[in-house]
Amino acid sequence: MFEYPVLVGDIGGTNTRFALVPEAGAPPGLLAHVETAGYPDPSAAIRAALATGGGPAPRSAILAVAARVDGPAVRLTNADWVIEGAQIGRDFGLSRAVIVNDYVPVAAGAAEISPGELTPVGPHREGGIKGDQGARLVLGPGTGFGAAALLPVGDRLAIVSTESGHVDFGPSDAAEHALWPHLERIEGRITVEALLSGPGLSRLHAGLRRARTGEEGPKLDPAAVTQAGLDGTDPDAVAALDLFAKLLGRVCGDLALTFLATGGVYIGGGIAPRILDVLHKGAFRAAFEHKPPFVTQMEAIPTSVIAIHDPALSGLAALASRPDVFVYHGQVWAGD
């Protein structure tokens, strides 16, 4: 059980957000949105965030981190912070501190997400594309690539976090086979995260240019690739966004099959909301559905982009206020 107020935090490789939940069932009140690299450690960032609030001090905390939570000390995958629930608990006099993977709260939020908080992606056939009350999948390309599944088990909801961003990713057609030799490898591998992330978008752009011209050229950052692709001012950036959408659809479909996510696929992260027009073109949904012999089943699974800001914070508030509903893995520290 969590004592209130509860500090909640979404700690990513690039950005970190903190909020305070004053009582069970209340929405989180944002304290601060900071750059992760701007602070030497999480306690320094929390201290700065609490200084802006001016309210009562937190009595417990639940923090989501962009890393695998597999021990008492968790190092962020794409930043230098090490997060220890025990250290944070002692630093702020808390009774309890829980650390979870960053897609655990996004999955919790998907349990009660409303149609108004989603932007559907894909055609609406006769009768519409409808999910059921089965498993739901949440995922998202951002600084990295995260994914988790929400699985109904009796009257409980089990959340299974994954490291699917770090599985190998290969070509599936002639155009991709021609491109793959021109893509940058990370420690000798091309993974899902190596392509379906902000840095991955830059790698796709560079690889497409290299394949077309045989030249390296300056490497564009993800924001520049996105803008040039949306504006149509750089043909390689246009191609990179189109391929990004297609590959994202393929991975969403693969994971939907893995978890039998008949309840729907929900896409978060910082990239998808910026490229909705590209996702709507059709390559995303076509790649998602092209899973013979299960095409008919895939056509029935809805895919949507999460339209609300900071879905992890509201999901963390739900985890804190409904411990009787959600079952999930995390690092738990309790004070004396």
C-alpha atoms as a PDB file:
ATOM      1  CA  MET A   1       0.000   0.000   0.000  1.00  0.00           C
ATOM      2  CA  PHE A   2       1.144   3.532  -0.749  1.00  0.00           C
ATOM      3  CA  GLU A   3       0.972   6.377   1.758  1.00  0.00           C
ATOM      4  CA  TYR A   4      -0.194   9.686   0.305  1.00  0.00           C
ATOM      5  CA  PRO A   5       0.929  12.037  -1.083  1.00  0.00           C
ATOM      6  CA  VAL A   6       2.641   9.749  -3.620  1.00  0.00           C
ATOM      7  CA  LEU A   7       5.491  11.008  -5.764  1.00  0.00           C
ATOM      8  CA  VAL A   8       5.259   9.612  -9.296  1.00  0.00           C
ATOM      9  CA  GLY A   9       7.950   9.945 -11.931  1.00  0.00           C
ATOM     10  CA  ASP A  10       8.497   8.992 -15.557  1.00  0.00           C
ATOM     11  CA  ILE A  11      12.278   8.773 -15.961  1.00  0.00           C
ATOM     12  CA  GLY A  12      13.498   8.518 -19.544  1.00  0.00           C
ATOM     13  CA  GLY A  13      16.811   8.682 -21.313  1.00  0.00           C
ATOM     14  CA  THR A  14      16.132  12.232 -22.509  1.00  0.00           C
ATOM     15  CA  ASN A  15      13.294  13.673 -20.422  1.00  0.00           C
ATOM     16  CA  THR A  16      12.071  13.120 -16.873  1.00  0.00           C
ATOM     17  CA  ARG A  17       8.708  14.167 -15.428  1.00  0.00           C
ATOM     18  CA  PHE A  18       7.650  14.248 -11.794  1.00  0.00           C
ATOM     19  CA  ALA A  19       4.191  14.725 -10.316  1.00  0.00           C
ATOM     20  CA  LEU A  20       2.474  14.428  -6.936  1.00  0.00           C
ATOM     21  CA  VAL A  21      -0.724  12.467  -6.310  1.00  0.00           C
ATOM     22  CA  PRO A  22      -2.372  13.995  -3.214  1.00  0.00           C
ATOM     23  CA  GLU A  23      -4.852  11.176  -2.458  1.00  0.00           C
ATOM     24  CA  ALA A  24      -6.132   7.882  -3.843  1.00  0.00           C
ATOM     25  CA  GLY A  25      -8.046   8.370  -7.087  1.00  0.00           C
ATOM     26  CA  ALA A  26      -6.806  11.926  -7.607  1.00  0.00           C
ATOM     27  CA  PRO A  27      -5.054  12.912 -10.856  1.00  0.00           C
ATOM     28  CA  PRO A  28      -1.311  13.594 -10.679  1.00  0.00           C
ATOM     29  CA  GLY A  29      -0.309  17.236 -10.371  1.00  0.00           C
ATOM     30  CA  LEU A  30       2.768  17.945 -12.483  1.00  0.00           C
ATOM     31  CA  LEU A  31       5.763  19.253 -10.558  1.00  0.00           C
ATOM     32  CA  ALA A  32       8.475  19.470 -13.199  1.00  0.00           C
ATOM     33  CA  HIS A  33       9.531  18.343 -16.667  1.00  0.00           C
ATOM     34  CA  VAL A  34      13.326  18.310 -16.878  1.00  0.00           C
ATOM     35  CA  GLU A  35      16.127  17.030 -19.054  1.00  0.00           C
ATOM     36  CA  THR A  36      17.603  13.900 -17.521  1.00  0.00           C
ATOM     37  CA  ALA A  37      21.153  14.959 -18.397  1.00  0.00           C
ATOM     38  CA  GLY A  38      20.629  18.218 -16.485  1.00  0.00           C
ATOM     39  CA  TYR A  39      21.026  16.489 -13.092  1.00  0.00           C
ATOM     40  CA  PRO A  40      23.742  14.181 -11.751  1.00  0.00           C
ATOM     41  CA  ASP A  41      21.306  11.675 -10.220  1.00  0.00           C
ATOM     42  CA  PRO A  42      17.579  11.105  -9.639  1.00  0.00           C
ATOM     43  CA  SER A  43      17.542  12.461  -6.088  1.00  0.00           C
ATOM     44  CA  ALA A  44      18.917  15.797  -7.302  1.00  0.00           C
ATOM     45  CA  ALA A  45      16.178  15.989  -9.930  1.00  0.00           C
ATOM     46  CA  ILE A  46      13.474  15.028  -7.401  1.00  0.00           C
ATOM     47  CA  ARG A  47      14.730  17.615  -4.934  1.00  0.00           C
ATOM     48  CA  ALA A  48      14.529  20.325  -7.604  1.00  0.00           C
ATOM     49  CA  ALA A  49      11.045  19.188  -8.662  1.00  0.00           C
ATOM     50  CA  LEU A  50       9.687  19.204  -5.115  1.00  0.00           C
ATOM     51  CA  ALA A  51      11.084  22.685  -4.578  1.00  0.00           C
ATOM     52  CA  THR A  52       8.784  23.984  -7.317  1.00  0.00           C
ATOM     53  CA  GLY A  53       5.637  22.458  -5.815  1.00  0.00           C
ATOM     54  CA  GLY A  54       5.348  24.116  -2.441  1.00  0.00           C
ATOM     55  CA  GLY A  55       2.916  21.460  -1.174  1.00  0.00           C
ATOM     56  CA  PRO A  56       3.220  18.660   1.372  1.00  0.00           C
ATOM     57  CA  ALA A  57       6.177  16.308   1.102  1.00  0.00           C
ATOM     58  CA  PRO A  58       5.572  12.884  -0.415  1.00  0.00           C
ATOM     59  CA  ARG A  59       5.215   9.885   1.859  1.00  0.00           C
ATOM     60  CA  SER A  60       5.880   7.246  -0.803  1.00  0.00           C
ATOM     61  CA  ALA A  61       6.929   7.013  -4.434  1.00  0.00           C
ATOM     62  CA  ILE A  62       6.457   4.932  -7.563  1.00  0.00           C
ATOM     63  CA  LEU A  63       8.839   5.692 -10.411  1.00  0.00           C
ATOM     64  CA  ALA A  64       8.900   4.352 -13.960  1.00  0.00           C
ATOM     65  CA  VAL A  65      12.323   4.037 -15.569  1.00  0.00           C
ATOM     66  CA  ALA A  66      13.459   3.430 -19.147  1.00  0.00           C
ATOM     67  CA  ALA A  67      15.410   0.293 -18.295  1.00  0.00           C
ATOM     68  CA  ARG A  68      14.980  -3.308 -17.251  1.00  0.00           C
ATOM     69  CA  VAL A  69      14.226  -3.517 -13.543  1.00  0.00           C
ATOM     70  CA  ASP A  70      16.193  -6.600 -12.517  1.00  0.00           C
ATOM     71  CA  GLY A  71      17.983  -5.625  -9.307  1.00  0.00           C
ATOM     72  CA  PRO A  72      18.180  -3.072  -6.492  1.00  0.00           C
ATOM     73  CA  ALA A  73      20.241  -0.691  -8.665  1.00  0.00           C
ATOM     74  CA  VAL A  74      18.803   0.074 -12.110  1.00  0.00           C
ATOM     75  CA  ARG A  75      20.914   1.841 -14.729  1.00  0.00           C
ATOM     76  CA  LEU A  76      19.026   3.694 -17.440  1.00  0.00           C
ATOM     77  CA  THR A  77      19.515   2.158 -20.871  1.00  0.00           C
ATOM     78  CA  ASN A  78      20.134   5.483 -22.629  1.00  0.00           C
ATOM     79  CA  ALA A  79      21.422   7.760 -19.834  1.00  0.00           C
ATOM     80  CA  ASP A  80      23.913   7.719 -16.952  1.00  0.00           C
ATOM     81  CA  TRP A  81      21.535   7.659 -13.978  1.00  0.00           C
ATOM     82  CA  VAL A  82      21.392   4.731 -11.568  1.00  0.00           C
ATOM     83  CA  ILE A  83      18.053   4.493  -9.752  1.00  0.00           C
ATOM     84  CA  GLU A  84      17.865   2.783  -6.352  1.00  0.00           C
ATOM     85  CA  GLY A  85      14.552   2.711  -4.531  1.00  0.00           C
ATOM     86  CA  ALA A  86      16.296   2.349  -1.175  1.00  0.00           C
ATOM     87  CA  GLN A  87      18.450   5.425  -1.765  1.00  0.00           C
ATOM     88  CA  ILE A  88      15.509   7.556  -2.885  1.00  0.00           C
ATOM     89  CA  GLY A  89      13.427   6.304   0.035  1.00  0.00           C
ATOM     90  CA  ARG A  90      16.120   7.275   2.535  1.00  0.00           C
ATOM     91  CA  ASP A  91      16.881  10.601   0.854  1.00  0.00           C
ATOM     92  CA  PHE A  92      13.271  11.760   1.184  1.00  0.00           C
ATOM     93  CA  GLY A  93      12.110   9.916   4.309  1.00  0.00           C
ATOM     94  CA  LEU A  94       9.601   7.750   2.454  1.00  0.00           C
ATOM     95  CA  SER A  95       7.752   4.724   3.780  1.00  0.00           C
ATOM     96  CA  ARG A  96       7.836   2.955   0.412  1.00  0.00           C
ATOM     97  CA  ALA A  97       9.569   3.379  -2.961  1.00  0.00           C
ATOM     98  CA  VAL A  98       8.736   1.246  -5.998  1.00  0.00           C
ATOM     99  CA  ILE A  99      10.634   1.177  -9.306  1.00  0.00           C
ATOM    100  CA  VAL A 100       9.008  -0.262 -12.450  1.00  0.00           C
ATOM    101  CA  ASN A 101       9.772  -0.416 -16.154  1.00  0.00           C
ATOM    102  CA  ASP A 102       8.518   2.676 -17.971  1.00  0.00           C
ATOM    103  CA  TYR A 103       5.867   0.816 -19.975  1.00  0.00           C
ATOM    104  CA  VAL A 104       4.234  -0.762 -16.903  1.00  0.00           C
ATOM    105  CA  PRO A 105       2.231   2.421 -16.104  1.00  0.00           C
ATOM    106  CA  VAL A 106       1.394   2.994 -19.777  1.00  0.00           C
ATOM    107  CA  ALA A 107      -0.129  -0.490 -19.774  1.00  0.00           C
ATOM    108  CA  ALA A 108      -2.026   0.304 -16.566  1.00  0.00           C
ATOM    109  CA  GLY A 109      -3.392   3.453 -18.179  1.00  0.00           C
ATOM    110  CA  ALA A 110      -4.637   1.412 -21.148  1.00  0.00           C
ATOM    111  CA  ALA A 111      -7.015  -0.428 -18.816  1.00  0.00           C
ATOM    112  CA  GLU A 112      -9.408   2.524 -18.699  1.00  0.00           C
ATOM    113  CA  ILE A 113      -8.326   4.692 -21.607  1.00  0.00           C
ATOM    114  CA  SER A 114     -11.265   6.369 -23.367  1.00  0.00           C
ATOM    115  CA  PRO A 115     -11.824   6.777 -27.119  1.00  0.00           C
ATOM    116  CA  GLY A 116     -11.237  10.501 -26.728  1.00  0.00           C
ATOM    117  CA  GLU A 117      -7.711   9.796 -25.528  1.00  0.00           C
ATOM    118  CA  LEU A 118      -6.838   7.810 -28.657  1.00  0.00           C
ATOM    119  CA  THR A 119      -6.242   8.598 -32.326  1.00  0.00           C
ATOM    120  CA  PRO A 120      -7.182   5.504 -34.361  1.00  0.00           C
ATOM    121  CA  VAL A 121      -4.774   4.490 -37.119  1.00  0.00           C
ATOM    122  CA  GLY A 122      -6.128   2.402 -39.958  1.00  0.00           C
ATOM    123  CA  PRO A 123      -9.307   1.915 -41.953  1.00  0.00           C
ATOM    124  CA  HIS A 124     -12.685   1.457 -40.319  1.00  0.00           C
ATOM    125  CA  ARG A 125     -14.358  -1.377 -42.151  1.00  0.00           C
ATOM    126  CA  GLU A 126     -18.077  -2.015 -42.014  1.00  0.00           C
ATOM    127  CA  GLY A 127     -19.044  -2.014 -38.378  1.00  0.00           C
ATOM    128  CA  GLY A 128     -15.694  -0.490 -37.430  1.00  0.00           C
ATOM    129  CA  ILE A 129     -12.560  -2.116 -36.103  1.00  0.00           C
ATOM    130  CA  LYS A 130     -13.276  -3.146 -32.556  1.00  0.00           C
ATOM    131  CA  GLY A 131     -11.183  -4.730 -29.881  1.00  0.00           C
ATOM    132  CA  ASP A 132     -12.526  -6.931 -27.106  1.00  0.00           C
ATOM    133  CA  GLN A 133     -11.667  -7.303 -23.459  1.00  0.00           C
ATOM    134  CA  GLY A 134      -8.681  -9.496 -24.235  1.00  0.00           C
ATOM    135  CA  ALA A 135      -4.995  -8.685 -23.915  1.00  0.00           C
ATOM    136  CA  ARG A 136      -3.860  -5.186 -24.814  1.00  0.00           C
ATOM    137  CA  LEU A 137      -0.440  -4.158 -26.072  1.00  0.00           C
ATOM    138  CA  VAL A 138       1.245  -0.820 -25.421  1.00  0.00           C
ATOM    139  CA  LEU A 139       4.491   0.173 -27.072  1.00  0.00           C
ATOM    140  CA  GLY A 140       6.327   3.208 -28.268  1.00  0.00           C
ATOM    141  CA  PRO A 141       9.351   4.478 -30.130  1.00  0.00           C
ATOM    142  CA  GLY A 142      11.069   7.402 -28.431  1.00  0.00           C
ATOM    143  CA  THR A 143      14.641   7.731 -27.183  1.00  0.00           C
ATOM    144  CA  GLY A 144      14.449   3.924 -27.124  1.00  0.00           C
ATOM    145  CA  PHE A 145      11.691   1.400 -27.781  1.00  0.00           C
ATOM    146  CA  GLY A 146       9.466   0.117 -24.996  1.00  0.00           C
ATOM    147  CA  ALA A 147       6.614  -2.388 -24.898  1.00  0.00           C
ATOM    148  CA  ALA A 148       4.376  -4.092 -22.353  1.00  0.00           C
ATOM    149  CA  ALA A 149       1.240  -6.217 -22.385  1.00  0.00           C
ATOM    150  CA  LEU A 150      -1.869  -5.923 -20.197  1.00  0.00           C
ATOM    151  CA  LEU A 151      -3.309  -9.398 -19.632  1.00  0.00           C
ATOM    152  CA  PRO A 152      -6.651 -10.133 -17.924  1.00  0.00           C
ATOM    153  CA  VAL A 153      -6.312 -12.956 -15.392  1.00  0.00           C
ATOM    154  CA  GLY A 154      -9.561 -13.540 -13.527  1.00  0.00           C
ATOM    155  CA  ASP A 155     -10.447 -10.277 -11.811  1.00  0.00           C
ATOM    156  CA  ARG A 156      -6.863  -9.003 -11.928  1.00  0.00           C
ATOM    157  CA  LEU A 157      -4.821  -7.338 -14.657  1.00  0.00           C
ATOM    158  CA  ALA A 158      -1.274  -8.623 -15.068  1.00  0.00           C
ATOM    159  CA  ILE A 159       1.273  -6.313 -16.676  1.00  0.00           C
ATOM    160  CA  VAL A 160       4.173  -7.971 -18.468  1.00  0.00           C
ATOM    161  CA  SER A 161       7.043  -5.657 -19.379  1.00  0.00           C
ATOM    162  CA  THR A 162       9.375  -6.700 -22.196  1.00  0.00           C
ATOM    163  CA  GLU A 163      12.718  -5.943 -23.785  1.00  0.00           C
ATOM    164  CA  SER A 164      11.359  -6.436 -27.293  1.00  0.00           C
ATOM    165  CA  GLY A 165      13.287  -3.393 -28.493  1.00  0.00           C
ATOM    166  CA  HIS A 166      16.489  -5.407 -28.200  1.00  0.00           C
ATOM    167  CA  VAL A 167      15.539  -8.368 -30.384  1.00  0.00           C
ATOM    168  CA  ASP A 168      17.155  -8.736 -33.812  1.00  0.00           C
ATOM    169  CA  PHE A 169      15.362  -7.076 -36.714  1.00  0.00           C
ATOM    170  CA  GLY A 170      15.790  -8.236 -40.307  1.00  0.00           C
ATOM    171  CA  PRO A 171      14.543  -7.305 -43.789  1.00  0.00           C
ATOM    172  CA  SER A 172      11.304  -8.770 -45.164  1.00  0.00           C
ATOM    173  CA  ASP A 173      11.218  -7.750 -48.846  1.00  0.00           C
ATOM    174  CA  ALA A 174      13.583  -6.923 -51.725  1.00  0.00           C
ATOM    175  CA  ALA A 175      13.770  -3.190 -50.955  1.00  0.00           C
ATOM    176  CA  GLU A 176      14.668  -3.860 -47.319  1.00  0.00           C
ATOM    177  CA  HIS A 177      17.222  -6.521 -48.309  1.00  0.00           C
ATOM    178  CA  ALA A 178      18.906  -3.920 -50.530  1.00  0.00           C
ATOM    179  CA  LEU A 179      18.920  -1.332 -47.745  1.00  0.00           C
ATOM    180  CA  TRP A 180      20.057  -3.490 -44.813  1.00  0.00           C
ATOM    181  CA  PRO A 181      23.790  -3.595 -45.751  1.00  0.00           C
ATOM    182  CA  HIS A 182      23.811   0.226 -45.626  1.00  0.00           C
ATOM    183  CA  LEU A 183      22.374   0.505 -42.103  1.00  0.00           C
ATOM    184  CA  GLU A 184      24.534   1.259 -39.084  1.00  0.00           C
ATOM    185  CA  ARG A 185      24.970  -1.667 -36.710  1.00  0.00           C
ATOM    186  CA  ILE A 186      25.166  -1.397 -32.943  1.00  0.00           C
ATOM    187  CA  GLU A 187      27.682  -3.871 -31.554  1.00  0.00           C
ATOM    188  CA  GLY A 188      27.265  -5.850 -34.742  1.00  0.00           C
ATOM    189  CA  ARG A 189      23.464  -6.020 -34.537  1.00  0.00           C
ATOM    190  CA  ILE A 190      20.417  -4.352 -36.035  1.00  0.00           C
ATOM    191  CA  THR A 191      17.667  -4.459 -33.420  1.00  0.00           C
ATOM    192  CA  VAL A 192      14.126  -3.125 -33.279  1.00  0.00           C
ATOM    193  CA  GLU A 193      15.297  -0.195 -31.133  1.00  0.00           C
ATOM    194  CA  ALA A 194      18.211   0.516 -33.496  1.00  0.00           C
ATOM    195  CA  LEU A 195      15.639   1.504 -36.152  1.00  0.00           C
ATOM    196  CA  LEU A 196      12.379   2.254 -34.317  1.00  0.00           C
ATOM    197  CA  SER A 197      13.512   5.091 -32.072  1.00  0.00           C
ATOM    198  CA  GLY A 198      14.660   8.685 -32.444  1.00  0.00           C
ATOM    199  CA  PRO A 199      18.261   7.642 -33.173  1.00  0.00           C
ATOM    200  CA  GLY A 200      16.830   4.896 -35.389  1.00  0.00           C
ATOM    201  CA  LEU A 201      15.068   7.449 -37.553  1.00  0.00           C
ATOM    202  CA  SER A 202      18.452   9.119 -38.109  1.00  0.00           C
ATOM    203  CA  ARG A 203      19.966   5.727 -38.993  1.00  0.00           C
ATOM    204  CA  LEU A 204      17.216   5.027 -41.521  1.00  0.00           C
ATOM    205  CA  HIS A 205      17.780   8.421 -43.137  1.00  0.00           C
ATOM    206  CA  ALA A 206      21.540   7.934 -43.310  1.00  0.00           C
ATOM    207  CA  GLY A 207      21.170   4.384 -44.653  1.00  0.00           C
ATOM    208  CA  LEU A 208      18.734   5.409 -47.373  1.00  0.00           C
ATOM    209  CA  ARG A 209      21.031   8.240 -48.480  1.00  0.00           C
ATOM    210  CA  ARG A 210      24.038   5.926 -48.424  1.00  0.00           C
ATOM    211  CA  ALA A 211      22.194   3.341 -50.512  1.00  0.00           C
ATOM    212  CA  ARG A 212      21.083   5.978 -53.019  1.00  0.00           C
ATOM    213  CA  THR A 213      24.303   7.992 -53.400  1.00  0.00           C
ATOM    214  CA  GLY A 214      27.090   5.864 -51.941  1.00  0.00           C
ATOM    215  CA  GLU A 215      28.058   8.869 -49.810  1.00  0.00           C
ATOM    216  CA  GLU A 216      27.991   9.443 -46.062  1.00  0.00           C
ATOM    217  CA  GLY A 217      26.983  13.098 -45.756  1.00  0.00           C
ATOM    218  CA  PRO A 218      26.144  14.863 -42.459  1.00  0.00           C
ATOM    219  CA  LYS A 219      23.996  12.887 -40.026  1.00  0.00           C
ATOM    220  CA  LEU A 220      20.707  14.637 -39.244  1.00  0.00           C
ATOM    221  CA  ASP A 221      19.176  14.491 -35.793  1.00  0.00           C
ATOM    222  CA  PRO A 222      15.730  12.881 -35.448  1.00  0.00           C
ATOM    223  CA  ALA A 223      13.844  16.165 -35.213  1.00  0.00           C
ATOM    224  CA  ALA A 224      15.473  17.419 -38.438  1.00  0.00           C
ATOM    225  CA  VAL A 225      14.662  14.172 -40.253  1.00  0.00           C
ATOM    226  CA  THR A 226      11.051  14.335 -39.080  1.00  0.00           C
ATOM    227  CA  GLN A 227      10.588  17.961 -40.118  1.00  0.00           C
ATOM    228  CA  ALA A 228      12.260  17.516 -43.507  1.00  0.00           C
ATOM    229  CA  GLY A 229      10.195  14.414 -44.137  1.00  0.00           C
ATOM    230  CA  LEU A 230       6.918  16.097 -43.235  1.00  0.00           C
ATOM    231  CA  ASP A 231       7.809  19.192 -45.271  1.00  0.00           C
ATOM    232  CA  GLY A 232       8.882  17.096 -48.258  1.00  0.00           C
ATOM    233  CA  THR A 233      12.149  19.036 -48.579  1.00  0.00           C
ATOM    234  CA  ASP A 234      14.434  15.973 -48.368  1.00  0.00           C
ATOM    235  CA  PRO A 235      13.505  12.848 -50.382  1.00  0.00           C
ATOM    236  CA  ASP A 236      15.562  10.621 -48.116  1.00  0.00           C
ATOM    237  CA  ALA A 237      13.757  12.007 -45.067  1.00  0.00           C
ATOM    238  CA  VAL A 238      10.393  11.375 -46.755  1.00  0.00           C
ATOM    239  CA  ALA A 239      11.487   7.800 -47.484  1.00  0.00           C
ATOM    240  CA  ALA A 240      12.775   7.390 -43.913  1.00  0.00           C
ATOM    241  CA  LEU A 241       9.416   8.364 -42.398  1.00  0.00           C
ATOM    242  CA  ASP A 242       7.537   6.080 -44.782  1.00  0.00           C
ATOM    243  CA  LEU A 243       9.831   3.153 -43.971  1.00  0.00           C
ATOM    244  CA  PHE A 244       9.654   3.931 -40.253  1.00  0.00           C
ATOM    245  CA  ALA A 245       5.843   3.673 -40.423  1.00  0.00           C
ATOM    246  CA  LYS A 246       6.006   0.398 -42.321  1.00  0.00           C
ATOM    247  CA  LEU A 247       8.528  -1.171 -39.932  1.00  0.00           C
ATOM    248  CA  LEU A 248       6.554   0.035 -36.918  1.00  0.00           C
ATOM    249  CA  GLY A 249       3.436  -1.612 -38.331  1.00  0.00           C
ATOM    250  CA  ARG A 250       5.325  -4.874 -38.806  1.00  0.00           C
ATOM    251  CA  VAL A 251       6.649  -4.888 -35.246  1.00  0.00           C
ATOM    252  CA  CYS A 252       3.249  -3.916 -33.805  1.00  0.00           C
ATOM    253  CA  GLY A 253       1.726  -6.844 -35.677  1.00  0.00           C
ATOM    254  CA  ASP A 254       4.424  -9.265 -34.533  1.00  0.00           C
ATOM    255  CA  LEU A 255       3.928  -8.299 -30.881  1.00  0.00           C
ATOM    256  CA  ALA A 256       0.143  -8.349 -31.230  1.00  0.00           C
ATOM    257  CA  LEU A 257       0.454 -11.958 -32.424  1.00  0.00           C
ATOM    258  CA  THR A 258       2.904 -12.786 -29.642  1.00  0.00           C
ATOM    259  CA  PHE A 259       0.481 -11.658 -26.920  1.00  0.00           C
ATOM    260  CA  LEU A 260      -2.765 -12.297 -28.858  1.00  0.00           C
ATOM    261  CA  ALA A 261      -3.603  -8.644 -28.221  1.00  0.00           C
ATOM    262  CA  THR A 262      -7.220  -8.787 -29.341  1.00  0.00           C
ATOM    263  CA  GLY A 263      -8.015  -5.858 -27.034  1.00  0.00           C
ATOM    264  CA  GLY A 264      -5.975  -3.476 -29.173  1.00  0.00           C
ATOM    265  CA  VAL A 265      -2.553  -1.961 -29.752  1.00  0.00           C
ATOM    266  CA  TYR A 266      -1.787   1.432 -28.212  1.00  0.00           C
ATOM    267  CA  ILE A 267       1.229   3.400 -29.429  1.00  0.00           C
ATOM    268  CA  GLY A 268       2.929   5.888 -27.131  1.00  0.00           C
ATOM    269  CA  GLY A 269       6.365   7.481 -27.199  1.00  0.00           C
ATOM    270  CA  GLY A 270       7.346  10.845 -28.589  1.00  0.00           C
ATOM    271  CA  ILE A 271       7.498  10.070 -32.307  1.00  0.00           C
ATOM    272  CA  ALA A 272       4.131   8.588 -33.318  1.00  0.00           C
ATOM    273  CA  PRO A 273       2.012  11.667 -32.448  1.00  0.00           C
ATOM    274  CA  ARG A 274       4.258  13.797 -34.699  1.00  0.00           C
ATOM    275  CA  ILE A 275       3.910  11.550 -37.748  1.00  0.00           C
ATOM    276  CA  LEU A 276       0.203  10.721 -37.690  1.00  0.00           C
ATOM    277  CA  ASP A 277      -0.219  11.754 -41.330  1.00  0.00           C
ATOM    278  CA  VAL A 278       2.484   9.262 -42.332  1.00  0.00           C
ATOM    279  CA  LEU A 279       0.928   6.485 -40.243  1.00  0.00           C
ATOM    280  CA  HIS A 280      -2.427   7.145 -41.905  1.00  0.00           C
ATOM    281  CA  LYS A 281      -1.004   6.667 -45.418  1.00  0.00           C
ATOM    282  CA  GLY A 282      -1.537   2.940 -45.179  1.00  0.00           C
ATOM    283  CA  ALA A 283       1.872   1.238 -45.031  1.00  0.00           C
ATOM    284  CA  PHE A 284       1.668   0.996 -41.247  1.00  0.00           C
ATOM    285  CA  ARG A 285      -1.657  -0.784 -41.210  1.00  0.00           C
ATOM    286  CA  ALA A 286      -0.850  -2.950 -44.254  1.00  0.00           C
ATOM    287  CA  ALA A 287       2.322  -4.218 -42.557  1.00  0.00           C
ATOM    288  CA  PHE A 288       0.421  -4.751 -39.316  1.00  0.00           C
ATOM    289  CA  GLU A 289      -2.236  -6.904 -40.992  1.00  0.00           C
ATOM    290  CA  HIS A 290       0.047  -8.886 -43.311  1.00  0.00           C
ATOM    291  CA  LYS A 291       0.476 -11.894 -41.033  1.00  0.00           C
ATOM    292  CA  PRO A 292      -0.821 -14.882 -43.025  1.00  0.00           C
ATOM    293  CA  PRO A 293      -2.458 -17.167 -42.072  1.00  0.00           C
ATOM    294  CA  PHE A 294      -3.915 -14.736 -39.506  1.00  0.00           C
ATOM    295  CA  VAL A 295      -4.781 -11.758 -41.742  1.00  0.00           C
ATOM    296  CA  THR A 296      -8.474 -11.872 -40.859  1.00  0.00           C
ATOM    297  CA  GLN A 297      -7.705 -11.898 -37.150  1.00  0.00           C
ATOM    298  CA  MET A 298      -5.236  -9.009 -37.518  1.00  0.00           C
ATOM    299  CA  GLU A 299      -7.814  -6.930 -39.408  1.00  0.00           C
ATOM    300  CA  ALA A 300     -10.038  -7.064 -36.322  1.00  0.00           C
ATOM    301  CA  ILE A 301      -7.396  -5.647 -33.941  1.00  0.00           C
ATOM    302  CA  PRO A 302      -7.559  -1.852 -33.561  1.00  0.00           C
ATOM    303  CA  THR A 303      -4.377   0.220 -33.587  1.00  0.00           C
ATOM    304  CA  SER A 304      -4.298   3.687 -32.020  1.00  0.00           C
ATOM    305  CA  VAL A 305      -1.868   6.407 -31.015  1.00  0.00           C
ATOM    306  CA  ILE A 306      -2.208   7.593 -27.425  1.00  0.00           C
ATOM    307  CA  ALA A 307      -3.278  11.233 -27.664  1.00  0.00           C
ATOM    308  CA  ILE A 308      -2.941  12.282 -24.012  1.00  0.00           C
ATOM    309  CA  HIS A 309       0.183  13.959 -22.667  1.00  0.00           C
ATOM    310  CA  ASP A 310       2.272  12.077 -20.092  1.00  0.00           C
ATOM    311  CA  PRO A 311       0.231   8.825 -20.044  1.00  0.00           C
ATOM    312  CA  ALA A 312       2.806   7.237 -17.731  1.00  0.00           C
ATOM    313  CA  LEU A 313       2.018   9.678 -14.902  1.00  0.00           C
ATOM    314  CA  SER A 314      -1.704   8.884 -14.889  1.00  0.00           C
ATOM    315  CA  GLY A 315      -0.830   5.185 -15.139  1.00  0.00           C
ATOM    316  CA  LEU A 316       1.466   5.455 -12.113  1.00  0.00           C
ATOM    317  CA  ALA A 317      -1.353   7.126 -10.180  1.00  0.00           C
ATOM    318  CA  ALA A 318      -3.606   4.192 -11.119  1.00  0.00           C
ATOM    319  CA  LEU A 319      -1.000   1.662  -9.937  1.00  0.00           C
ATOM    320  CA  ALA A 320      -0.743   3.441  -6.586  1.00  0.00           C
ATOM    321  CA  SER A 321      -4.492   3.775  -6.025  1.00  0.00           C
ATOM    322  CA  ARG A 322      -5.571   0.301  -7.245  1.00  0.00           C
ATOM    323  CA  PRO A 323      -3.155  -2.254  -5.758  1.00  0.00           C
ATOM    324  CA  ASP A 324      -5.997  -4.815  -5.680  1.00  0.00           C
ATOM    325  CA  VAL A 325      -6.319  -4.742  -9.499  1.00  0.00           C
ATOM    326  CA  PHE A 326      -2.825  -4.658 -11.011  1.00  0.00           C
ATOM    327  CA  VAL A 327      -0.147  -7.333 -10.779  1.00  0.00           C
ATOM    328  CA  TYR A 328       3.292  -6.324 -12.027  1.00  0.00           C
ATOM    329  CA  HIS A 329       7.004  -6.795 -11.508  1.00  0.00           C
ATOM    330  CA  GLY A 330       8.984  -4.065  -9.808  1.00  0.00           C
ATOM    331  CA  GLN A 331      11.655  -3.238  -7.289  1.00  0.00           C
ATOM    332  CA  VAL A 332      10.042  -2.562  -3.899  1.00  0.00           C
ATOM    333  CA  TRP A 333      11.733  -0.861  -0.954  1.00  0.00           C
ATOM    334  CA  ALA A 334       9.942  -0.407   2.354  1.00  0.00           C
ATOM    335  CA  GLY A 335      11.245   1.707   5.203  1.00  0.00           C
ATOM    336  CA  ASP A 336      11.562   0.489   8.753  1.00  0.00           C
END
